[in-house]
N, C-alpha and C. Protein backbone atom coordinates (compact mmCIF):
# COMPACT_ATOMS: atom_id res chain seq x y z
N MET A 1 4.38 -8.39 26.03
CA MET A 1 3.16 -8.09 25.33
C MET A 1 2.96 -9.06 24.15
N LEU A 2 4.04 -9.32 23.44
CA LEU A 2 3.96 -10.22 22.30
C LEU A 2 3.56 -11.63 22.75
N ASP A 3 4.07 -12.05 23.91
CA ASP A 3 3.73 -13.38 24.40
C ASP A 3 2.24 -13.49 24.72
N ARG A 4 1.63 -12.44 25.25
CA ARG A 4 0.19 -12.46 25.52
C ARG A 4 -0.61 -12.56 24.25
N ARG A 5 -0.21 -11.81 23.25
CA ARG A 5 -0.92 -11.87 21.96
C ARG A 5 -0.80 -13.25 21.33
N ALA A 6 0.39 -13.80 21.38
CA ALA A 6 0.59 -15.14 20.82
C ALA A 6 -0.26 -16.16 21.56
N LEU A 7 -0.31 -16.03 22.88
CA LEU A 7 -1.12 -16.94 23.68
C LEU A 7 -2.60 -16.78 23.37
N LEU A 8 -3.06 -15.55 23.22
CA LEU A 8 -4.45 -15.29 22.87
C LEU A 8 -4.79 -15.88 21.51
N LEU A 9 -3.93 -15.66 20.52
CA LEU A 9 -4.17 -16.21 19.18
C LEU A 9 -4.17 -17.74 19.18
N ALA A 10 -3.28 -18.32 19.96
CA ALA A 10 -3.25 -19.78 20.07
C ALA A 10 -4.54 -20.30 20.68
N GLY A 11 -5.04 -19.59 21.70
CA GLY A 11 -6.30 -19.99 22.33
C GLY A 11 -7.47 -19.90 21.36
N ILE A 12 -7.52 -18.84 20.61
CA ILE A 12 -8.58 -18.67 19.61
C ILE A 12 -8.49 -19.76 18.55
N ALA A 13 -7.29 -20.05 18.09
CA ALA A 13 -7.10 -21.09 17.08
C ALA A 13 -7.54 -22.46 17.60
N ALA A 14 -7.36 -22.69 18.90
CA ALA A 14 -7.77 -23.98 19.48
C ALA A 14 -9.28 -24.10 19.57
N VAL A 15 -9.98 -22.99 19.77
CA VAL A 15 -11.44 -23.01 19.94
C VAL A 15 -12.18 -23.05 18.61
N LEU A 16 -11.64 -22.45 17.58
CA LEU A 16 -12.35 -22.37 16.29
C LEU A 16 -12.77 -23.72 15.72
N PRO A 17 -11.92 -24.75 15.71
CA PRO A 17 -12.39 -26.03 15.18
C PRO A 17 -13.58 -26.59 15.95
N ALA A 18 -13.60 -26.40 17.26
CA ALA A 18 -14.73 -26.88 18.05
C ALA A 18 -16.00 -26.14 17.69
N LEU A 19 -15.91 -24.83 17.46
CA LEU A 19 -17.09 -24.07 17.06
C LEU A 19 -17.59 -24.50 15.70
N ALA A 20 -16.68 -24.79 14.79
CA ALA A 20 -17.07 -25.21 13.45
C ALA A 20 -17.73 -26.59 13.46
N ALA A 21 -17.44 -27.38 14.50
CA ALA A 21 -17.98 -28.73 14.57
C ALA A 21 -19.39 -28.76 15.13
N ALA A 22 -19.86 -27.68 15.68
CA ALA A 22 -21.17 -27.67 16.34
C ALA A 22 -22.30 -27.82 15.34
N ALA A 23 -23.41 -28.37 15.83
CA ALA A 23 -24.62 -28.51 15.02
C ALA A 23 -25.14 -27.14 14.60
N GLU A 24 -25.91 -27.14 13.52
CA GLU A 24 -26.55 -25.90 13.04
C GLU A 24 -27.93 -25.78 13.68
N HIS A 25 -28.20 -24.62 14.28
CA HIS A 25 -29.49 -24.38 14.92
C HIS A 25 -30.33 -23.46 14.04
N HIS A 26 -31.61 -23.81 13.90
CA HIS A 26 -32.53 -23.05 13.06
C HIS A 26 -33.86 -22.89 13.77
N ALA A 27 -34.51 -21.78 13.51
CA ALA A 27 -35.91 -21.66 13.90
C ALA A 27 -36.69 -22.58 12.96
N TYR A 28 -37.69 -23.25 13.49
CA TYR A 28 -38.47 -24.18 12.68
C TYR A 28 -39.33 -23.43 11.68
N THR A 29 -39.23 -23.84 10.43
CA THR A 29 -40.21 -23.50 9.40
C THR A 29 -40.50 -24.79 8.66
N PRO A 30 -41.72 -24.97 8.19
CA PRO A 30 -42.02 -26.21 7.46
C PRO A 30 -41.10 -26.40 6.25
N GLU A 31 -40.74 -25.30 5.58
CA GLU A 31 -39.91 -25.39 4.38
C GLU A 31 -38.49 -25.84 4.72
N ALA A 32 -37.89 -25.24 5.75
CA ALA A 32 -36.52 -25.61 6.13
C ALA A 32 -36.47 -27.04 6.66
N PHE A 33 -37.48 -27.43 7.43
CA PHE A 33 -37.54 -28.79 7.95
C PHE A 33 -37.68 -29.79 6.80
N ALA A 34 -38.55 -29.50 5.85
CA ALA A 34 -38.73 -30.40 4.70
C ALA A 34 -37.45 -30.50 3.88
N ALA A 35 -36.75 -29.40 3.70
CA ALA A 35 -35.51 -29.42 2.92
C ALA A 35 -34.45 -30.27 3.62
N ALA A 36 -34.34 -30.15 4.93
CA ALA A 36 -33.37 -30.95 5.68
C ALA A 36 -33.72 -32.43 5.61
N ARG A 37 -35.00 -32.74 5.69
CA ARG A 37 -35.44 -34.14 5.59
C ARG A 37 -35.16 -34.69 4.20
N LYS A 38 -35.46 -33.90 3.18
CA LYS A 38 -35.24 -34.34 1.80
C LYS A 38 -33.75 -34.59 1.53
N ALA A 39 -32.90 -33.78 2.14
CA ALA A 39 -31.45 -33.93 1.97
C ALA A 39 -30.89 -35.11 2.77
N GLY A 40 -31.73 -35.73 3.61
CA GLY A 40 -31.28 -36.86 4.40
C GLY A 40 -30.42 -36.48 5.58
N ARG A 41 -30.51 -35.22 5.98
CA ARG A 41 -29.69 -34.72 7.09
C ARG A 41 -30.16 -35.31 8.42
N PRO A 42 -29.23 -35.47 9.37
CA PRO A 42 -29.65 -35.82 10.73
C PRO A 42 -30.31 -34.59 11.35
N ILE A 43 -31.43 -34.80 12.01
CA ILE A 43 -32.24 -33.69 12.52
C ILE A 43 -32.63 -33.95 13.96
N LEU A 44 -32.57 -32.89 14.76
CA LEU A 44 -33.14 -32.89 16.10
C LEU A 44 -34.19 -31.80 16.13
N VAL A 45 -35.40 -32.15 16.52
CA VAL A 45 -36.46 -31.16 16.72
C VAL A 45 -36.66 -31.02 18.22
N GLU A 46 -36.57 -29.77 18.69
CA GLU A 46 -36.80 -29.43 20.09
C GLU A 46 -38.13 -28.70 20.18
N ILE A 47 -39.09 -29.29 20.86
CA ILE A 47 -40.35 -28.59 21.08
C ILE A 47 -40.26 -28.00 22.48
N THR A 48 -40.25 -26.69 22.53
CA THR A 48 -39.89 -25.99 23.77
C THR A 48 -40.83 -24.83 24.05
N ALA A 49 -40.80 -24.37 25.27
CA ALA A 49 -41.56 -23.19 25.68
C ALA A 49 -40.70 -22.40 26.66
N PRO A 50 -40.72 -21.07 26.55
CA PRO A 50 -39.87 -20.27 27.42
C PRO A 50 -40.21 -20.38 28.91
N TRP A 51 -41.43 -20.74 29.24
CA TRP A 51 -41.87 -20.85 30.63
C TRP A 51 -41.63 -22.23 31.23
N CYS A 52 -41.14 -23.16 30.43
CA CYS A 52 -41.02 -24.57 30.82
C CYS A 52 -39.69 -24.84 31.55
N PRO A 53 -39.73 -25.24 32.83
CA PRO A 53 -38.49 -25.52 33.56
C PRO A 53 -37.75 -26.73 33.00
N THR A 54 -38.48 -27.72 32.51
CA THR A 54 -37.82 -28.89 31.92
C THR A 54 -37.07 -28.50 30.65
N CYS A 55 -37.69 -27.65 29.83
CA CYS A 55 -37.02 -27.17 28.61
C CYS A 55 -35.74 -26.42 28.97
N ARG A 56 -35.82 -25.58 30.00
CA ARG A 56 -34.63 -24.83 30.44
C ARG A 56 -33.53 -25.79 30.90
N ALA A 57 -33.90 -26.88 31.55
CA ALA A 57 -32.92 -27.86 32.00
C ALA A 57 -32.31 -28.62 30.82
N GLN A 58 -33.09 -28.82 29.76
CA GLN A 58 -32.58 -29.53 28.58
C GLN A 58 -31.57 -28.70 27.79
N LYS A 59 -31.75 -27.38 27.77
CA LYS A 59 -30.93 -26.49 26.92
C LYS A 59 -29.43 -26.70 27.11
N PRO A 60 -28.87 -26.62 28.33
CA PRO A 60 -27.41 -26.78 28.44
C PRO A 60 -26.94 -28.19 28.11
N ILE A 61 -27.77 -29.17 28.38
CA ILE A 61 -27.41 -30.55 28.03
C ILE A 61 -27.32 -30.69 26.52
N LEU A 62 -28.33 -30.19 25.82
CA LEU A 62 -28.33 -30.26 24.36
C LEU A 62 -27.19 -29.43 23.76
N ALA A 63 -26.91 -28.27 24.33
CA ALA A 63 -25.82 -27.43 23.82
C ALA A 63 -24.49 -28.18 23.92
N ARG A 64 -24.27 -28.82 25.05
CA ARG A 64 -23.02 -29.57 25.23
C ARG A 64 -22.94 -30.77 24.28
N LEU A 65 -24.01 -31.52 24.19
CA LEU A 65 -24.00 -32.73 23.36
C LEU A 65 -23.88 -32.40 21.87
N THR A 66 -24.63 -31.41 21.41
CA THR A 66 -24.63 -31.11 19.97
C THR A 66 -23.38 -30.36 19.52
N ALA A 67 -22.54 -29.93 20.47
CA ALA A 67 -21.27 -29.29 20.11
C ALA A 67 -20.19 -30.31 19.76
N ALA A 68 -20.47 -31.58 19.99
CA ALA A 68 -19.48 -32.63 19.71
C ALA A 68 -19.27 -32.76 18.20
N PRO A 69 -18.05 -33.11 17.81
CA PRO A 69 -17.72 -33.21 16.38
C PRO A 69 -18.63 -34.15 15.58
N GLN A 70 -19.11 -35.22 16.20
CA GLN A 70 -19.96 -36.16 15.44
C GLN A 70 -21.30 -35.56 15.04
N PHE A 71 -21.65 -34.40 15.61
CA PHE A 71 -22.92 -33.76 15.29
C PHE A 71 -22.75 -32.51 14.43
N ARG A 72 -21.62 -32.38 13.76
CA ARG A 72 -21.39 -31.18 12.94
C ARG A 72 -22.38 -31.06 11.79
N ASP A 73 -22.96 -32.17 11.34
CA ASP A 73 -23.95 -32.13 10.25
C ASP A 73 -25.39 -32.06 10.77
N LEU A 74 -25.55 -32.10 12.08
CA LEU A 74 -26.88 -32.11 12.69
C LEU A 74 -27.59 -30.78 12.48
N GLN A 75 -28.84 -30.85 12.08
CA GLN A 75 -29.70 -29.69 11.96
C GLN A 75 -30.65 -29.71 13.15
N VAL A 76 -30.62 -28.66 13.96
CA VAL A 76 -31.49 -28.57 15.13
C VAL A 76 -32.57 -27.54 14.83
N PHE A 77 -33.81 -27.97 14.93
CA PHE A 77 -34.96 -27.09 14.70
C PHE A 77 -35.70 -26.90 16.02
N GLU A 78 -35.89 -25.64 16.40
CA GLU A 78 -36.62 -25.33 17.62
C GLU A 78 -38.05 -24.94 17.27
N VAL A 79 -39.00 -25.63 17.88
CA VAL A 79 -40.42 -25.35 17.67
C VAL A 79 -40.97 -24.77 18.97
N ASP A 80 -41.58 -23.60 18.88
CA ASP A 80 -42.19 -22.98 20.05
C ASP A 80 -43.56 -23.61 20.30
N PHE A 81 -43.69 -24.24 21.45
CA PHE A 81 -44.92 -24.96 21.78
C PHE A 81 -46.15 -24.06 21.75
N ASP A 82 -46.01 -22.82 22.16
CA ASP A 82 -47.14 -21.92 22.27
C ASP A 82 -47.53 -21.27 20.95
N SER A 83 -46.57 -20.88 20.15
CA SER A 83 -46.88 -20.11 18.94
C SER A 83 -46.86 -20.93 17.66
N GLN A 84 -46.38 -22.17 17.70
CA GLN A 84 -46.30 -22.99 16.49
C GLN A 84 -47.13 -24.27 16.65
N LYS A 85 -48.40 -24.08 17.01
CA LYS A 85 -49.28 -25.22 17.28
C LYS A 85 -49.44 -26.15 16.07
N GLU A 86 -49.47 -25.58 14.88
CA GLU A 86 -49.61 -26.41 13.67
C GLU A 86 -48.41 -27.36 13.55
N ALA A 87 -47.21 -26.87 13.79
CA ALA A 87 -46.01 -27.71 13.73
C ALA A 87 -46.03 -28.76 14.84
N VAL A 88 -46.45 -28.37 16.02
CA VAL A 88 -46.54 -29.31 17.14
C VAL A 88 -47.48 -30.46 16.77
N ARG A 89 -48.63 -30.12 16.20
CA ARG A 89 -49.58 -31.17 15.77
C ARG A 89 -48.99 -32.03 14.66
N ALA A 90 -48.36 -31.39 13.68
CA ALA A 90 -47.79 -32.13 12.54
C ALA A 90 -46.70 -33.11 13.01
N LEU A 91 -46.01 -32.77 14.06
CA LEU A 91 -44.95 -33.63 14.59
C LEU A 91 -45.49 -34.66 15.59
N GLY A 92 -46.77 -34.60 15.88
CA GLY A 92 -47.39 -35.57 16.77
C GLY A 92 -46.97 -35.40 18.23
N ALA A 93 -46.61 -34.18 18.60
CA ALA A 93 -46.20 -33.93 19.99
C ALA A 93 -47.41 -33.50 20.81
N ARG A 94 -47.38 -33.84 22.07
CA ARG A 94 -48.49 -33.48 22.95
C ARG A 94 -48.09 -32.46 24.00
N MET A 95 -46.76 -32.28 24.17
CA MET A 95 -46.32 -31.32 25.18
C MET A 95 -44.94 -30.77 24.86
N GLN A 96 -44.62 -29.68 25.53
CA GLN A 96 -43.30 -29.10 25.41
C GLN A 96 -42.28 -30.05 26.02
N SER A 97 -41.02 -29.77 25.86
CA SER A 97 -39.89 -30.60 26.30
C SER A 97 -39.84 -31.93 25.55
N THR A 98 -40.38 -31.94 24.33
CA THR A 98 -40.31 -33.11 23.47
C THR A 98 -39.12 -32.97 22.55
N LEU A 99 -38.32 -34.02 22.46
CA LEU A 99 -37.17 -34.08 21.57
C LEU A 99 -37.41 -35.21 20.58
N ILE A 100 -37.23 -34.92 19.29
CA ILE A 100 -37.46 -35.92 18.24
C ILE A 100 -36.25 -35.92 17.32
N VAL A 101 -35.73 -37.12 17.00
CA VAL A 101 -34.62 -37.23 16.07
C VAL A 101 -35.08 -37.92 14.79
N PHE A 102 -34.60 -37.38 13.68
CA PHE A 102 -34.91 -37.90 12.35
C PHE A 102 -33.62 -38.07 11.56
N ARG A 103 -33.62 -39.00 10.65
CA ARG A 103 -32.65 -39.03 9.57
C ARG A 103 -33.49 -39.11 8.31
N GLY A 104 -33.45 -38.02 7.56
CA GLY A 104 -34.31 -37.92 6.39
C GLY A 104 -35.77 -37.96 6.82
N ASP A 105 -36.56 -38.80 6.18
CA ASP A 105 -37.98 -38.89 6.49
C ASP A 105 -38.28 -39.87 7.63
N THR A 106 -37.25 -40.52 8.16
CA THR A 106 -37.46 -41.54 9.18
C THR A 106 -37.26 -40.98 10.58
N GLU A 107 -38.29 -41.10 11.41
CA GLU A 107 -38.14 -40.75 12.82
C GLU A 107 -37.41 -41.89 13.51
N LEU A 108 -36.31 -41.56 14.19
CA LEU A 108 -35.49 -42.57 14.86
C LEU A 108 -35.79 -42.69 16.34
N GLY A 109 -36.47 -41.70 16.90
CA GLY A 109 -36.81 -41.77 18.31
C GLY A 109 -37.27 -40.44 18.84
N ARG A 110 -37.85 -40.48 20.04
CA ARG A 110 -38.31 -39.26 20.70
C ARG A 110 -38.30 -39.47 22.19
N SER A 111 -38.24 -38.36 22.91
CA SER A 111 -38.36 -38.39 24.36
C SER A 111 -39.17 -37.18 24.79
N VAL A 112 -39.81 -37.31 25.95
CA VAL A 112 -40.64 -36.22 26.48
C VAL A 112 -40.25 -36.01 27.94
N GLY A 113 -39.90 -34.78 28.28
CA GLY A 113 -39.63 -34.43 29.66
C GLY A 113 -38.33 -34.99 30.22
N ASP A 114 -37.43 -35.40 29.38
CA ASP A 114 -36.19 -36.01 29.82
C ASP A 114 -35.13 -34.94 30.10
N THR A 115 -34.50 -35.02 31.27
CA THR A 115 -33.40 -34.11 31.60
C THR A 115 -32.15 -34.88 32.00
N ASP A 116 -32.10 -36.15 31.69
CA ASP A 116 -30.93 -36.97 31.97
C ASP A 116 -29.97 -36.91 30.78
N ALA A 117 -28.77 -36.42 31.01
CA ALA A 117 -27.79 -36.26 29.92
C ALA A 117 -27.49 -37.59 29.24
N GLY A 118 -27.44 -38.66 29.99
CA GLY A 118 -27.14 -39.97 29.41
C GLY A 118 -28.21 -40.44 28.45
N SER A 119 -29.46 -40.32 28.84
CA SER A 119 -30.53 -40.80 27.94
C SER A 119 -30.73 -39.84 26.75
N ILE A 120 -30.53 -38.54 26.96
CA ILE A 120 -30.59 -37.62 25.83
C ILE A 120 -29.44 -37.92 24.87
N GLY A 121 -28.27 -38.21 25.42
CA GLY A 121 -27.13 -38.60 24.59
C GLY A 121 -27.42 -39.87 23.81
N SER A 122 -28.10 -40.82 24.43
CA SER A 122 -28.47 -42.07 23.73
C SER A 122 -29.44 -41.79 22.59
N LEU A 123 -30.38 -40.87 22.83
CA LEU A 123 -31.32 -40.49 21.77
C LEU A 123 -30.55 -39.90 20.59
N LEU A 124 -29.65 -38.96 20.87
CA LEU A 124 -28.86 -38.35 19.80
C LEU A 124 -27.93 -39.36 19.15
N GLY A 125 -27.48 -40.34 19.92
CA GLY A 125 -26.61 -41.38 19.39
C GLY A 125 -27.24 -42.20 18.28
N ARG A 126 -28.53 -42.20 18.21
CA ARG A 126 -29.21 -42.94 17.12
C ARG A 126 -28.93 -42.30 15.76
N LEU A 127 -28.44 -41.06 15.78
CA LEU A 127 -28.15 -40.34 14.54
C LEU A 127 -26.77 -40.66 13.98
N THR A 128 -25.90 -41.26 14.78
CA THR A 128 -24.53 -41.51 14.33
C THR A 128 -24.33 -42.92 13.85
């Protein structure tokens, strides 16, 4: 019994650093987005819709990529395409499944409708 507990604790201890390294995810608000930009934080904006199959395909790719240690400072803001039209317009997006990366006030790149892990990784790579 003691060996199982020790093994379980060792497993938990191994996973915790990886969880701590993951990017921070936030619901988009203009105030939080502005604060992250002002702080010069690396930012990913996901413009998504629950009915969008491309957005659903992007989710696991983004979850895997943003869990990497190099993205521990990344702030991820999710914008709902249907209910946050003002934010969509302010970001210059025309459709859901748009990904935009910023460092501070500078937009470093964007993609629309991309579900290729390699090219999404390249987009995020502009932040490192």
